[in-house]
């Protein structure tokens, strides 16, 4: 019986709590964190209905973290980083 390749275990993006900067940097690489967060916030504002769904989960615009439920909504819209 062939053992499953360990590299496949990390193939999927883990849905967990992320800091806003941490998640933004997963999607937008090669820029400073502040720039990534600004751009990521713009993506969220312009994705149809995403900001409203995130706010409905209890997200506050000034919060510093995304809950696993919020991360799942984001991944559903943008795909895995």
PDB file of N, CA and C in Angstrom:
ATOM      1  N   UNK A   1       0.837  -1.179   0.000  1.00  0.00           N
ATOM      2  CA  UNK A   1       0.000   0.000   0.000  1.00  0.00           C
ATOM      3  C   UNK A   1       0.889   1.252   0.000  1.00  0.00           C
ATOM      4  N   UNK A   2       0.592   2.184  -0.875  1.00  0.00           N
ATOM      5  CA  UNK A   2       1.403   3.388  -1.020  1.00  0.00           C
ATOM      6  C   UNK A   2       1.023   4.424   0.037  1.00  0.00           C
ATOM      7  N   UNK A   3       2.022   4.981   0.703  1.00  0.00           N
ATOM      8  CA  UNK A   3       1.800   6.019   1.698  1.00  0.00           C
ATOM      9  C   UNK A   3       1.479   7.337   0.990  1.00  0.00           C
ATOM     10  N   UNK A   4       0.512   8.071   1.536  1.00  0.00           N
ATOM     11  CA  UNK A   4       0.138   9.362   0.947  1.00  0.00           C
ATOM     12  C   UNK A   4       1.303  10.332   1.061  1.00  0.00           C
ATOM     13  N   UNK A   5       1.546  11.061  -0.013  1.00  0.00           N
ATOM     14  CA  UNK A   5       2.624  12.049  -0.059  1.00  0.00           C
ATOM     15  C   UNK A   5       2.364  13.145   0.974  1.00  0.00           C
ATOM     16  N   UNK A   6       3.338  13.400   1.855  1.00  0.00           N
ATOM     17  CA  UNK A   6       3.174  14.403   2.906  1.00  0.00           C
ATOM     18  C   UNK A   6       2.959  15.802   2.346  1.00  0.00           C
ATOM     19  N   UNK A   7       3.448  16.094   1.146  1.00  0.00           N
ATOM     20  CA  UNK A   7       3.274  17.426   0.572  1.00  0.00           C
ATOM     21  C   UNK A   7       1.805  17.706   0.285  1.00  0.00           C
ATOM     22  N   UNK A   8       0.993  16.685   0.069  1.00  0.00           N
ATOM     23  CA  UNK A   8      -0.431  16.885  -0.167  1.00  0.00           C
ATOM     24  C   UNK A   8      -1.177  17.294   1.091  1.00  0.00           C
ATOM     25  N   UNK A   9      -0.607  17.026   2.263  1.00  0.00           N
ATOM     26  CA  UNK A   9      -1.265  17.379   3.509  1.00  0.00           C
ATOM     27  C   UNK A   9      -1.356  18.888   3.678  1.00  0.00           C
ATOM     28  N   UNK A  10      -0.420  19.620   3.108  1.00  0.00           N
ATOM     29  CA  UNK A  10      -0.412  21.073   3.209  1.00  0.00           C
ATOM     30  C   UNK A  10      -0.934  21.745   1.943  1.00  0.00           C
ATOM     31  N   UNK A  11      -1.560  20.980   1.069  1.00  0.00           N
ATOM     32  CA  UNK A  11      -1.985  21.506  -0.222  1.00  0.00           C
ATOM     33  C   UNK A  11      -3.141  22.483  -0.091  1.00  0.00           C
ATOM     34  N   UNK A  12      -3.933  22.367   0.970  1.00  0.00           N
ATOM     35  CA  UNK A  12      -5.086  23.243   1.124  1.00  0.00           C
ATOM     36  C   UNK A  12      -4.798  24.337   2.138  1.00  0.00           C
ATOM     37  N   UNK A  13      -5.358  25.486   1.876  1.00  0.00           N
ATOM     38  CA  UNK A  13      -5.199  26.632   2.757  1.00  0.00           C
ATOM     39  C   UNK A  13      -5.988  26.385   4.045  1.00  0.00           C
ATOM     40  N   UNK A  14      -5.347  26.455   5.209  1.00  0.00           N
ATOM     41  CA  UNK A  14      -6.062  26.187   6.461  1.00  0.00           C
ATOM     42  C   UNK A  14      -7.042  27.315   6.809  1.00  0.00           C
ATOM     43  N   UNK A  15      -8.265  26.926   7.127  1.00  0.00           N
ATOM     44  CA  UNK A  15      -9.274  27.895   7.556  1.00  0.00           C
ATOM     45  C   UNK A  15      -9.150  28.008   9.072  1.00  0.00           C
ATOM     46  N   UNK A  16      -8.700  29.162   9.525  1.00  0.00           N
ATOM     47  CA  UNK A  16      -8.488  29.431  10.947  1.00  0.00           C
ATOM     48  C   UNK A  16      -8.556  30.940  11.141  1.00  0.00           C
ATOM     49  N   UNK A  17      -8.386  31.403  12.353  1.00  0.00           N
ATOM     50  CA  UNK A  17      -8.319  32.843  12.612  1.00  0.00           C
ATOM     51  C   UNK A  17      -7.019  33.395  12.024  1.00  0.00           C
ATOM     52  N   UNK A  18      -7.129  34.512  11.323  1.00  0.00           N
ATOM     53  CA  UNK A  18      -5.967  35.198  10.741  1.00  0.00           C
ATOM     54  C   UNK A  18      -6.015  36.669  11.140  1.00  0.00           C
ATOM     55  N   UNK A  19      -4.850  37.240  11.378  1.00  0.00           N
ATOM     56  CA  UNK A  19      -4.764  38.685  11.488  1.00  0.00           C
ATOM     57  C   UNK A  19      -5.046  39.265  10.110  1.00  0.00           C
ATOM     58  N   UNK A  20      -5.620  40.462  10.078  1.00  0.00           N
ATOM     59  CA  UNK A  20      -5.946  41.057   8.772  1.00  0.00           C
ATOM     60  C   UNK A  20      -4.703  41.218   7.907  1.00  0.00           C
ATOM     61  N   UNK A  21      -3.619  41.668   8.498  1.00  0.00           N
ATOM     62  CA  UNK A  21      -2.382  41.819   7.735  1.00  0.00           C
ATOM     63  C   UNK A  21      -1.841  40.480   7.279  1.00  0.00           C
ATOM     64  N   UNK A  22      -1.936  39.492   8.137  1.00  0.00           N
ATOM     65  CA  UNK A  22      -1.449  38.151   7.804  1.00  0.00           C
ATOM     66  C   UNK A  22      -2.203  37.590   6.598  1.00  0.00           C
ATOM     67  N   UNK A  23      -3.537  37.712   6.613  1.00  0.00           N
ATOM     68  CA  UNK A  23      -4.322  37.186   5.494  1.00  0.00           C
ATOM     69  C   UNK A  23      -4.083  37.997   4.224  1.00  0.00           C
ATOM     70  N   UNK A  24      -4.006  39.307   4.360  1.00  0.00           N
ATOM     71  CA  UNK A  24      -3.744  40.157   3.193  1.00  0.00           C
ATOM     72  C   UNK A  24      -2.420  39.787   2.536  1.00  0.00           C
ATOM     73  N   UNK A  25      -1.404  39.503   3.351  1.00  0.00           N
ATOM     74  CA  UNK A  25      -0.090  39.133   2.815  1.00  0.00           C
ATOM     75  C   UNK A  25      -0.120  37.765   2.126  1.00  0.00           C
ATOM     76  N   UNK A  26      -1.052  36.904   2.503  1.00  0.00           N
ATOM     77  CA  UNK A  26      -1.194  35.617   1.813  1.00  0.00           C
ATOM     78  C   UNK A  26      -1.667  35.825   0.378  1.00  0.00           C
ATOM     79  N   UNK A  27      -2.528  36.812   0.180  1.00  0.00           N
ATOM     80  CA  UNK A  27      -3.081  37.087  -1.149  1.00  0.00           C
ATOM     81  C   UNK A  27      -2.231  38.058  -1.965  1.00  0.00           C
ATOM     82  N   UNK A  28      -1.631  39.017  -1.299  1.00  0.00           N
ATOM     83  CA  UNK A  28      -0.888  40.069  -2.002  1.00  0.00           C
ATOM     84  C   UNK A  28       0.556  40.027  -1.511  1.00  0.00           C
ATOM     85  N   UNK A  29       1.412  39.473  -2.327  1.00  0.00           N
ATOM     86  CA  UNK A  29       2.818  39.288  -1.942  1.00  0.00           C
ATOM     87  C   UNK A  29       3.694  40.362  -2.582  1.00  0.00           C
ATOM     88  N   UNK A  30       4.828  40.566  -1.986  1.00  0.00           N
ATOM     89  CA  UNK A  30       5.818  41.464  -2.580  1.00  0.00           C
ATOM     90  C   UNK A  30       5.617  42.925  -2.255  1.00  0.00           C
ATOM     91  N   UNK A  31       4.723  43.221  -1.314  1.00  0.00           N
ATOM     92  CA  UNK A  31       4.527  44.607  -0.880  1.00  0.00           C
ATOM     93  C   UNK A  31       4.558  44.613   0.642  1.00  0.00           C
ATOM     94  N   UNK A  32       4.669  45.799   1.230  1.00  0.00           N
ATOM     95  CA  UNK A  32       4.644  45.865   2.692  1.00  0.00           C
ATOM     96  C   UNK A  32       3.233  45.542   3.186  1.00  0.00           C
ATOM     97  N   UNK A  33       3.153  45.146   4.446  1.00  0.00           N
ATOM     98  CA  UNK A  33       1.873  44.710   5.006  1.00  0.00           C
ATOM     99  C   UNK A  33       0.812  45.799   4.928  1.00  0.00           C
ATOM    100  N   UNK A  34       1.175  47.019   5.216  1.00  0.00           N
ATOM    101  CA  UNK A  34       0.221  48.128   5.176  1.00  0.00           C
ATOM    102  C   UNK A  34      -0.412  48.260   3.779  1.00  0.00           C
ATOM    103  N   UNK A  35       0.405  48.173   2.761  1.00  0.00           N
ATOM    104  CA  UNK A  35      -0.080  48.257   1.382  1.00  0.00           C
ATOM    105  C   UNK A  35      -0.970  47.071   1.052  1.00  0.00           C
ATOM    106  N   UNK A  36      -0.580  45.880   1.492  1.00  0.00           N
ATOM    107  CA  UNK A  36      -1.379  44.682   1.239  1.00  0.00           C
ATOM    108  C   UNK A  36      -2.752  44.806   1.886  1.00  0.00           C
ATOM    109  N   UNK A  37      -2.800  45.307   3.114  1.00  0.00           N
ATOM    110  CA  UNK A  37      -4.080  45.464   3.815  1.00  0.00           C
ATOM    111  C   UNK A  37      -4.962  46.476   3.092  1.00  0.00           C
ATOM    112  N   UNK A  38      -4.392  47.592   2.676  1.00  0.00           N
ATOM    113  CA  UNK A  38      -5.180  48.600   1.952  1.00  0.00           C
ATOM    114  C   UNK A  38      -5.760  48.013   0.671  1.00  0.00           C
ATOM    115  N   UNK A  39      -4.953  47.289  -0.088  1.00  0.00           N
ATOM    116  CA  UNK A  39      -5.417  46.699  -1.342  1.00  0.00           C
ATOM    117  C   UNK A  39      -6.459  45.610  -1.074  1.00  0.00           C
ATOM    118  N   UNK A  40      -6.211  44.786  -0.060  1.00  0.00           N
ATOM    119  CA  UNK A  40      -7.127  43.704   0.273  1.00  0.00           C
ATOM    120  C   UNK A  40      -8.479  44.259   0.708  1.00  0.00           C
ATOM    121  N   UNK A  41      -8.467  45.334   1.507  1.00  0.00           N
ATOM    122  CA  UNK A  41      -9.717  45.980   1.914  1.00  0.00           C
ATOM    123  C   UNK A  41     -10.483  46.491   0.695  1.00  0.00           C
ATOM    124  N   UNK A  42      -9.766  46.988  -0.286  1.00  0.00           N
ATOM    125  CA  UNK A  42     -10.403  47.447  -1.519  1.00  0.00           C
ATOM    126  C   UNK A  42     -11.037  46.276  -2.268  1.00  0.00           C
ATOM    127  N   UNK A  43     -10.342  45.161  -2.336  1.00  0.00           N
ATOM    128  CA  UNK A  43     -10.910  43.956  -2.965  1.00  0.00           C
ATOM    129  C   UNK A  43     -12.210  43.567  -2.274  1.00  0.00           C
ATOM    130  N   UNK A  44     -12.194  43.588  -0.940  1.00  0.00           N
ATOM    131  CA  UNK A  44     -13.382  43.194  -0.168  1.00  0.00           C
ATOM    132  C   UNK A  44     -14.526  44.158  -0.433  1.00  0.00           C
ATOM    133  N   UNK A  45     -14.238  45.454  -0.461  1.00  0.00           N
ATOM    134  CA  UNK A  45     -15.295  46.453  -0.712  1.00  0.00           C
ATOM    135  C   UNK A  45     -15.899  46.304  -2.107  1.00  0.00           C
ATOM    136  N   UNK A  46     -15.090  45.913  -3.075  1.00  0.00           N
ATOM    137  CA  UNK A  46     -15.583  45.870  -4.456  1.00  0.00           C
ATOM    138  C   UNK A  46     -16.117  44.498  -4.878  1.00  0.00           C
ATOM    139  N   UNK A  47     -15.884  43.462  -4.076  1.00  0.00           N
ATOM    140  CA  UNK A  47     -16.439  42.134  -4.390  1.00  0.00           C
ATOM    141  C   UNK A  47     -17.927  42.163  -4.053  1.00  0.00           C
ATOM    142  N   UNK A  48     -18.790  41.902  -5.016  1.00  0.00           N
ATOM    143  CA  UNK A  48     -20.237  42.029  -4.785  1.00  0.00           C
ATOM    144  C   UNK A  48     -20.729  41.238  -3.570  1.00  0.00           C
ATOM    145  N   UNK A  49     -21.242  41.971  -2.584  1.00  0.00           N
ATOM    146  CA  UNK A  49     -21.866  41.377  -1.414  1.00  0.00           C
ATOM    147  C   UNK A  49     -20.927  40.856  -0.341  1.00  0.00           C
ATOM    148  N   UNK A  50     -19.629  40.824  -0.594  1.00  0.00           N
ATOM    149  CA  UNK A  50     -18.709  40.232   0.369  1.00  0.00           C
ATOM    150  C   UNK A  50     -18.637  41.049   1.657  1.00  0.00           C
ATOM    151  N   UNK A  51     -18.472  42.338   1.561  1.00  0.00           N
ATOM    152  CA  UNK A  51     -18.356  43.153   2.773  1.00  0.00           C
ATOM    153  C   UNK A  51     -19.613  43.026   3.630  1.00  0.00           C
ATOM    154  N   UNK A  52     -20.777  43.001   3.005  1.00  0.00           N
ATOM    155  CA  UNK A  52     -22.028  42.871   3.742  1.00  0.00           C
ATOM    156  C   UNK A  52     -22.102  41.522   4.463  1.00  0.00           C
ATOM    157  N   UNK A  53     -21.664  40.456   3.780  1.00  0.00           N
ATOM    158  CA  UNK A  53     -21.668  39.128   4.416  1.00  0.00           C
ATOM    159  C   UNK A  53     -20.680  39.074   5.569  1.00  0.00           C
ATOM    160  N   UNK A  54     -19.528  39.709   5.418  1.00  0.00           N
ATOM    161  CA  UNK A  54     -18.551  39.733   6.508  1.00  0.00           C
ATOM    162  C   UNK A  54     -19.093  40.523   7.699  1.00  0.00           C
ATOM    163  N   UNK A  55     -19.719  41.648   7.446  1.00  0.00           N
ATOM    164  CA  UNK A  55     -20.303  42.448   8.528  1.00  0.00           C
ATOM    165  C   UNK A  55     -21.413  41.677   9.236  1.00  0.00           C
ATOM    166  N   UNK A  56     -22.162  40.868   8.490  1.00  0.00           N
ATOM    167  CA  UNK A  56     -23.240  40.059   9.078  1.00  0.00           C
ATOM    168  C   UNK A  56     -22.699  38.991  10.028  1.00  0.00           C
ATOM    169  N   UNK A  57     -21.418  38.611   9.872  1.00  0.00           N
ATOM    170  CA  UNK A  57     -20.811  37.632  10.779  1.00  0.00           C
ATOM    171  C   UNK A  57     -20.291  38.293  12.052  1.00  0.00           C
ATOM    172  N   UNK A  58     -20.419  39.618  12.132  1.00  0.00           N
ATOM    173  CA  UNK A  58     -19.955  40.337  13.311  1.00  0.00           C
ATOM    174  C   UNK A  58     -18.644  41.070  13.117  1.00  0.00           C
ATOM    175  N   UNK A  59     -18.106  41.038  11.902  1.00  0.00           N
ATOM    176  CA  UNK A  59     -16.861  41.748  11.637  1.00  0.00           C
ATOM    177  C   UNK A  59     -17.067  43.251  11.805  1.00  0.00           C
ATOM    178  N   UNK A  60     -16.133  43.876  12.455  1.00  0.00           N
ATOM    179  CA  UNK A  60     -16.114  45.335  12.574  1.00  0.00           C
ATOM    180  C   UNK A  60     -15.023  45.859  11.648  1.00  0.00           C
ATOM    181  N   UNK A  61     -15.255  46.987  11.037  1.00  0.00           N
ATOM    182  CA  UNK A  61     -14.263  47.531  10.104  1.00  0.00           C
ATOM    183  C   UNK A  61     -12.912  47.764  10.770  1.00  0.00           C
ATOM    184  N   UNK A  62     -12.902  48.075  12.049  1.00  0.00           N
ATOM    185  CA  UNK A  62     -11.649  48.339  12.756  1.00  0.00           C
ATOM    186  C   UNK A  62     -11.029  47.120  13.420  1.00  0.00           C
ATOM    187  N   UNK A  63     -11.663  45.950  13.284  1.00  0.00           N
ATOM    188  CA  UNK A  63     -11.112  44.754  13.936  1.00  0.00           C
ATOM    189  C   UNK A  63      -9.799  44.353  13.276  1.00  0.00           C
ATOM    190  N   UNK A  64      -8.988  43.628  14.014  1.00  0.00           N
ATOM    191  CA  UNK A  64      -7.657  43.265  13.534  1.00  0.00           C
ATOM    192  C   UNK A  64      -7.556  41.811  13.099  1.00  0.00           C
ATOM    193  N   UNK A  65      -8.645  41.052  13.233  1.00  0.00           N
ATOM    194  CA  UNK A  65      -8.617  39.632  12.901  1.00  0.00           C
ATOM    195  C   UNK A  65      -9.838  39.225  12.095  1.00  0.00           C
ATOM    196  N   UNK A  66      -9.680  38.169  11.326  1.00  0.00           N
ATOM    197  CA  UNK A  66     -10.797  37.503  10.661  1.00  0.00           C
ATOM    198  C   UNK A  66     -11.028  36.178  11.370  1.00  0.00           C
ATOM    199  N   UNK A  67     -12.279  35.870  11.680  1.00  0.00           N
ATOM    200  CA  UNK A  67     -12.618  34.583  12.280  1.00  0.00           C
ATOM    201  C   UNK A  67     -12.569  33.502  11.200  1.00  0.00           C
ATOM    202  N   UNK A  68     -12.557  32.241  11.594  1.00  0.00           N
ATOM    203  CA  UNK A  68     -12.592  31.174  10.583  1.00  0.00           C
ATOM    204  C   UNK A  68     -13.794  31.292   9.643  1.00  0.00           C
ATOM    205  N   UNK A  69     -14.948  31.684  10.152  1.00  0.00           N
ATOM    206  CA  UNK A  69     -16.126  31.843   9.292  1.00  0.00           C
ATOM    207  C   UNK A  69     -15.911  32.957   8.270  1.00  0.00           C
ATOM    208  N   UNK A  70     -15.277  34.035   8.689  1.00  0.00           N
ATOM    209  CA  UNK A  70     -14.996  35.148   7.779  1.00  0.00           C
ATOM    210  C   UNK A  70     -13.948  34.752   6.751  1.00  0.00           C
ATOM    211  N   UNK A  71     -12.937  34.010   7.184  1.00  0.00           N
ATOM    212  CA  UNK A  71     -11.903  33.532   6.257  1.00  0.00           C
ATOM    213  C   UNK A  71     -12.554  32.628   5.207  1.00  0.00           C
ATOM    214  N   UNK A  72     -13.483  31.774   5.620  1.00  0.00           N
ATOM    215  CA  UNK A  72     -14.149  30.887   4.670  1.00  0.00           C
ATOM    216  C   UNK A  72     -14.922  31.687   3.626  1.00  0.00           C
ATOM    217  N   UNK A  73     -15.616  32.750   4.043  1.00  0.00           N
ATOM    218  CA  UNK A  73     -16.314  33.610   3.080  1.00  0.00           C
ATOM    219  C   UNK A  73     -15.343  34.226   2.079  1.00  0.00           C
ATOM    220  N   UNK A  74     -14.215  34.695   2.568  1.00  0.00           N
ATOM    221  CA  UNK A  74     -13.205  35.314   1.706  1.00  0.00           C
ATOM    222  C   UNK A  74     -12.648  34.292   0.714  1.00  0.00           C
ATOM    223  N   UNK A  75     -12.319  33.113   1.194  1.00  0.00           N
ATOM    224  CA  UNK A  75     -11.780  32.073   0.322  1.00  0.00           C
ATOM    225  C   UNK A  75     -12.831  31.643  -0.708  1.00  0.00           C
ATOM    226  N   UNK A  76     -14.090  31.630  -0.318  1.00  0.00           N
ATOM    227  CA  UNK A  76     -15.155  31.272  -1.270  1.00  0.00           C
ATOM    228  C   UNK A  76     -15.226  32.269  -2.433  1.00  0.00           C
ATOM    229  N   UNK A  77     -14.909  33.529  -2.149  1.00  0.00           N
ATOM    230  CA  UNK A  77     -14.965  34.577  -3.185  1.00  0.00           C
ATOM    231  C   UNK A  77     -13.655  34.640  -3.984  1.00  0.00           C
ATOM    232  N   UNK A  78     -12.529  34.677  -3.300  1.00  0.00           N
ATOM    233  CA  UNK A  78     -11.235  34.900  -3.963  1.00  0.00           C
ATOM    234  C   UNK A  78     -10.472  33.623  -4.271  1.00  0.00           C
ATOM    235  N   UNK A  79     -10.907  32.506  -3.738  1.00  0.00           N
ATOM    236  CA  UNK A  79     -10.151  31.267  -3.873  1.00  0.00           C
ATOM    237  C   UNK A  79      -9.047  31.217  -2.846  1.00  0.00           C
ATOM    238  N   UNK A  80      -8.357  30.091  -2.815  1.00  0.00           N
ATOM    239  CA  UNK A  80      -7.239  29.955  -1.880  1.00  0.00           C
ATOM    240  C   UNK A  80      -6.063  30.792  -2.350  1.00  0.00           C
ATOM    241  N   UNK A  81      -5.368  31.439  -1.398  1.00  0.00           N
ATOM    242  CA  UNK A  81      -4.206  32.233  -1.817  1.00  0.00           C
ATOM    243  C   UNK A  81      -3.072  31.353  -2.338  1.00  0.00           C
TER     244      UNK A  81
END
